Amino acid sequence: MQVDAIQKTYRRWAPVYDLAFGRITQGGRVLAARHVNATGGSVLEVGIGTGLALGYYAPAVTVTGIDVSAEMLREAELRAAKLGLRNLAGLYQMDARAMDLADASFDHVAAMHIMSVVPEPERVLDEMVRVCRPGGSVLIANHFAGRAEGWSFAERLAAPLADLLGWHADFEMARVLGHPKLKLEEQVQVRPFGLMTFLRFRRVE
């Protein structure tokens, strides 16, 4: 899926995204925020969307968000204002494949349910690693093909609908594993239904 297709898709989804996907995707966000809060520092959310995780971060955590969709960012801004957040460093429209951010500038970098949406996910992962400081965390929550028991048939049915749904149901976990600068430290199937997987990596160099 190309950037213009993603922007068109999420222009349509932005007003109803929370209702349609909020509950089923929230478990990974909770796990990511729990880890960030336990260690503190700064976090970059890549593909922050409507900001569903914003309320989970501790006040001492500095949060920055980027997204390619202006409409989704507007929803995130409204959420931040409603919550009265003071720890939000900024929300920026940006292509995750070429972030206008300095090397090693965040303690944690999170991608919540976007790796099966973005074009060139390997390139996005490279950028996430680049902006994460050595020893920091790269956190990914996503649906991966074949990881949710009993859902393989549904994944095959959904695969041709990628552009309409805005994500690829047949996305393989192998595409985010094996990066030379990342060590996988945690893998959890997330409730409800075990449809999503949470991965926690440490940047090792």
Protein backbone atom coordinates (compact mmCIF):
# COMPACT_ATOMS: atom_id res chain seq x y z
CA MET A 1 0.00 0.00 0.00
CA GLN A 2 1.41 3.40 -1.01
CA VAL A 3 1.34 6.57 1.09
CA ASP A 4 -1.42 8.24 -0.93
CA ALA A 5 -3.59 5.12 -0.54
CA ILE A 6 -2.91 5.07 3.22
CA GLN A 7 -3.83 8.74 3.52
CA LYS A 8 -7.04 8.18 1.58
CA THR A 9 -7.95 5.14 3.67
CA TYR A 10 -7.35 6.84 7.01
CA ARG A 11 -9.12 9.99 5.92
CA ARG A 12 -12.16 7.72 5.79
CA TRP A 13 -11.39 5.83 9.00
CA ALA A 14 -10.31 8.76 11.21
CA PRO A 15 -13.77 9.73 12.57
CA VAL A 16 -14.71 6.12 13.43
CA TYR A 17 -11.33 4.46 14.04
CA ASP A 18 -11.65 4.34 17.82
CA LEU A 19 -15.07 2.72 17.66
CA ALA A 20 -14.10 0.23 14.95
CA PHE A 21 -10.63 -0.79 16.15
CA GLY A 22 -10.08 0.69 19.61
CA ARG A 23 -10.92 -2.27 21.83
CA ILE A 24 -9.35 -4.97 19.69
CA THR A 25 -6.05 -3.10 19.40
CA GLN A 26 -5.82 -1.62 22.89
CA GLY A 27 -4.08 -4.51 24.63
CA GLY A 28 -0.80 -3.94 22.81
CA ARG A 29 -0.89 -0.25 23.63
CA VAL A 30 -1.38 -1.02 27.31
CA LEU A 31 1.61 -3.39 27.33
CA ALA A 32 3.80 -0.85 25.53
CA ALA A 33 2.86 1.98 27.88
CA ARG A 34 3.39 -0.27 30.91
CA HIS A 35 6.96 -0.97 29.81
CA VAL A 36 7.66 2.69 28.98
CA ASN A 37 6.25 3.84 32.33
CA ALA A 38 8.38 1.31 34.23
CA THR A 39 11.59 2.57 32.65
CA GLY A 40 10.68 6.23 32.03
CA GLY A 41 12.24 8.69 29.63
CA SER A 42 10.93 9.61 26.19
CA VAL A 43 8.83 7.68 23.70
CA LEU A 44 8.16 8.17 20.00
CA GLU A 45 4.93 6.67 18.68
CA VAL A 46 5.31 5.93 14.99
CA GLY A 47 1.86 6.01 13.40
CA ILE A 48 0.22 7.44 16.50
CA GLY A 49 -3.15 7.58 14.75
CA THR A 50 -5.91 8.99 16.95
CA GLY A 51 -3.70 8.81 20.02
CA LEU A 52 -5.38 5.84 21.66
CA ALA A 53 -2.33 5.21 23.89
CA LEU A 54 -1.86 8.81 25.04
CA GLY A 55 -3.80 8.41 28.26
CA TYR A 56 -1.78 5.38 29.32
CA TYR A 57 1.61 7.07 29.59
CA ALA A 58 2.75 8.31 32.99
CA PRO A 59 2.99 12.12 33.34
CA ALA A 60 6.78 11.86 33.64
CA VAL A 61 7.09 10.22 30.19
CA THR A 62 7.69 12.64 27.31
CA VAL A 63 5.60 11.61 24.30
CA THR A 64 6.13 12.49 20.64
CA GLY A 65 3.89 11.20 17.86
CA ILE A 66 4.12 11.06 14.09
CA ASP A 67 1.62 9.94 11.48
CA VAL A 68 1.26 10.25 7.72
CA SER A 69 -2.46 11.11 8.06
CA ALA A 70 -3.37 14.69 8.92
CA GLU A 71 -6.90 13.60 9.80
CA MET A 72 -5.68 11.02 12.33
CA LEU A 73 -3.32 13.58 13.87
CA ARG A 74 -6.20 16.00 14.34
CA GLU A 75 -8.04 13.32 16.30
CA ALA A 76 -4.91 12.78 18.42
CA GLU A 77 -4.66 16.53 19.09
CA LEU A 78 -8.30 16.60 20.22
CA ARG A 79 -7.67 13.63 22.52
CA ALA A 80 -4.60 15.26 24.05
CA ALA A 81 -6.52 18.48 24.66
CA LYS A 82 -9.45 16.62 26.21
CA LEU A 83 -7.10 14.73 28.53
CA GLY A 84 -5.23 17.92 29.41
CA LEU A 85 -1.87 16.28 28.71
CA ARG A 86 1.27 18.21 29.61
CA ASN A 87 3.79 15.55 28.61
CA LEU A 88 3.12 15.69 24.86
CA ALA A 89 6.22 17.07 23.13
CA GLY A 90 4.56 17.28 19.72
CA LEU A 91 2.54 15.63 16.97
CA TYR A 92 3.96 15.76 13.45
CA GLN A 93 2.86 14.69 9.99
CA MET A 94 5.72 12.57 8.73
CA ASP A 95 6.54 9.55 6.56
CA ALA A 96 7.88 6.83 8.88
CA ARG A 97 10.30 5.66 6.17
CA ALA A 98 12.27 8.92 6.37
CA MET A 99 11.77 10.54 9.76
CA ASP A 100 12.97 14.10 10.19
CA LEU A 101 14.32 13.21 13.65
CA ALA A 102 17.83 12.96 15.06
CA ASP A 103 19.68 9.69 15.59
CA ALA A 104 19.32 8.08 19.05
CA SER A 105 16.87 10.74 20.22
CA PHE A 106 14.32 8.54 22.08
CA ASP A 107 14.48 6.03 24.91
CA HIS A 108 11.59 4.05 23.40
CA VAL A 109 10.12 3.83 19.91
CA ALA A 110 6.70 2.23 19.51
CA ALA A 111 4.72 1.13 16.45
CA MET A 112 1.19 0.20 17.44
CA HIS A 113 -0.59 -1.70 14.67
CA ILE A 114 1.08 0.04 11.74
CA MET A 115 3.73 -2.38 10.45
CA SER A 116 1.20 -4.23 8.28
CA VAL A 117 -0.07 -0.90 6.93
CA VAL A 118 3.06 0.98 5.92
CA PRO A 119 4.87 0.51 2.61
CA GLU A 120 8.38 -0.87 3.09
CA PRO A 121 8.02 -2.01 6.72
CA GLU A 122 11.67 -3.06 6.83
CA ARG A 123 12.67 0.51 6.01
CA VAL A 124 10.34 1.80 8.73
CA LEU A 125 11.97 -0.57 11.21
CA ASP A 126 15.41 0.70 10.18
CA GLU A 127 14.25 4.24 10.95
CA MET A 128 12.79 3.18 14.31
CA VAL A 129 16.14 1.65 15.23
CA ARG A 130 18.01 4.74 14.07
CA VAL A 131 16.07 7.15 16.31
CA CYS A 132 16.17 4.81 19.33
CA ARG A 133 19.14 5.21 21.65
CA PRO A 134 21.41 2.17 22.21
CA GLY A 135 19.96 0.18 25.10
CA GLY A 136 16.51 1.59 24.45
CA SER A 137 13.33 -0.25 23.51
CA VAL A 138 11.61 -0.83 20.19
CA LEU A 139 8.01 -1.89 20.81
CA ILE A 140 5.74 -3.38 18.15
CA ALA A 141 2.13 -4.48 18.45
CA ASN A 142 0.55 -5.97 15.35
CA HIS A 143 -1.52 -8.75 13.86
CA PHE A 144 0.77 -11.34 12.29
CA ALA A 145 -0.36 -14.11 9.96
CA GLY A 146 -0.76 -17.53 11.56
CA ARG A 147 -0.23 -16.33 15.14
CA ALA A 148 -3.88 -16.30 16.22
CA GLU A 149 -5.17 -19.87 16.48
CA GLY A 150 -8.28 -20.52 14.39
CA TRP A 151 -8.08 -17.28 12.39
CA SER A 152 -6.10 -18.42 9.33
CA PHE A 153 -9.20 -18.72 7.13
CA ALA A 154 -10.32 -15.20 8.04
CA GLU A 155 -6.82 -13.89 7.26
CA ARG A 156 -7.00 -15.42 3.78
CA LEU A 157 -10.41 -13.86 3.19
CA ALA A 158 -9.20 -10.43 4.33
CA ALA A 159 -5.95 -10.42 2.33
CA PRO A 160 -7.49 -9.10 -0.96
CA LEU A 161 -9.15 -6.26 0.99
CA ALA A 162 -5.87 -4.66 2.11
CA ASP A 163 -6.50 -1.26 0.54
CA LEU A 164 -10.05 -1.04 1.87
CA LEU A 165 -9.19 -2.19 5.39
CA GLY A 166 -5.93 -0.29 5.55
CA TRP A 167 -3.85 -3.26 6.70
CA HIS A 168 -2.53 -6.60 5.45
CA ALA A 169 -4.03 -9.56 7.32
CA ASP A 170 -1.39 -11.88 5.82
CA PHE A 171 1.60 -9.91 7.19
CA GLU A 172 4.38 -12.25 8.37
CA MET A 173 6.16 -11.73 11.69
CA ALA A 174 9.48 -12.60 10.02
CA ARG A 175 9.45 -9.17 8.41
CA VAL A 176 10.12 -7.48 11.77
CA LEU A 177 12.49 -10.11 13.19
CA GLY A 178 16.22 -10.53 12.67
CA HIS A 179 17.30 -6.90 12.63
CA PRO A 180 21.05 -6.89 13.49
CA LYS A 181 20.65 -4.06 16.03
CA LEU A 182 17.63 -5.51 17.85
CA LYS A 183 17.34 -8.31 20.40
CA LEU A 184 13.86 -9.75 21.00
CA GLU A 185 13.21 -9.78 24.76
CA GLU A 186 9.45 -10.38 24.99
CA GLN A 187 6.69 -11.85 22.81
CA VAL A 188 3.09 -11.94 24.03
CA GLN A 189 -0.21 -12.87 22.38
CA VAL A 190 -2.54 -10.06 23.39
CA ARG A 191 -6.09 -10.29 24.68
CA PRO A 192 -8.83 -10.26 23.54
CA PHE A 193 -8.85 -13.30 21.27
CA GLY A 194 -5.05 -13.46 20.86
CA LEU A 195 -5.39 -11.71 17.50
CA MET A 196 -2.53 -9.33 18.17
CA THR A 197 1.08 -9.92 19.19
CA PHE A 198 3.23 -7.62 21.31
CA LEU A 199 6.99 -7.66 20.67
CA ARG A 200 9.56 -5.91 22.84
CA PHE A 201 13.07 -5.46 21.46
CA ARG A 202 16.18 -3.88 22.95
CA ARG A 203 18.53 -1.93 20.72
CA VAL A 204 21.83 -3.65 21.29
CA GLU A 205 24.24 -1.22 19.60
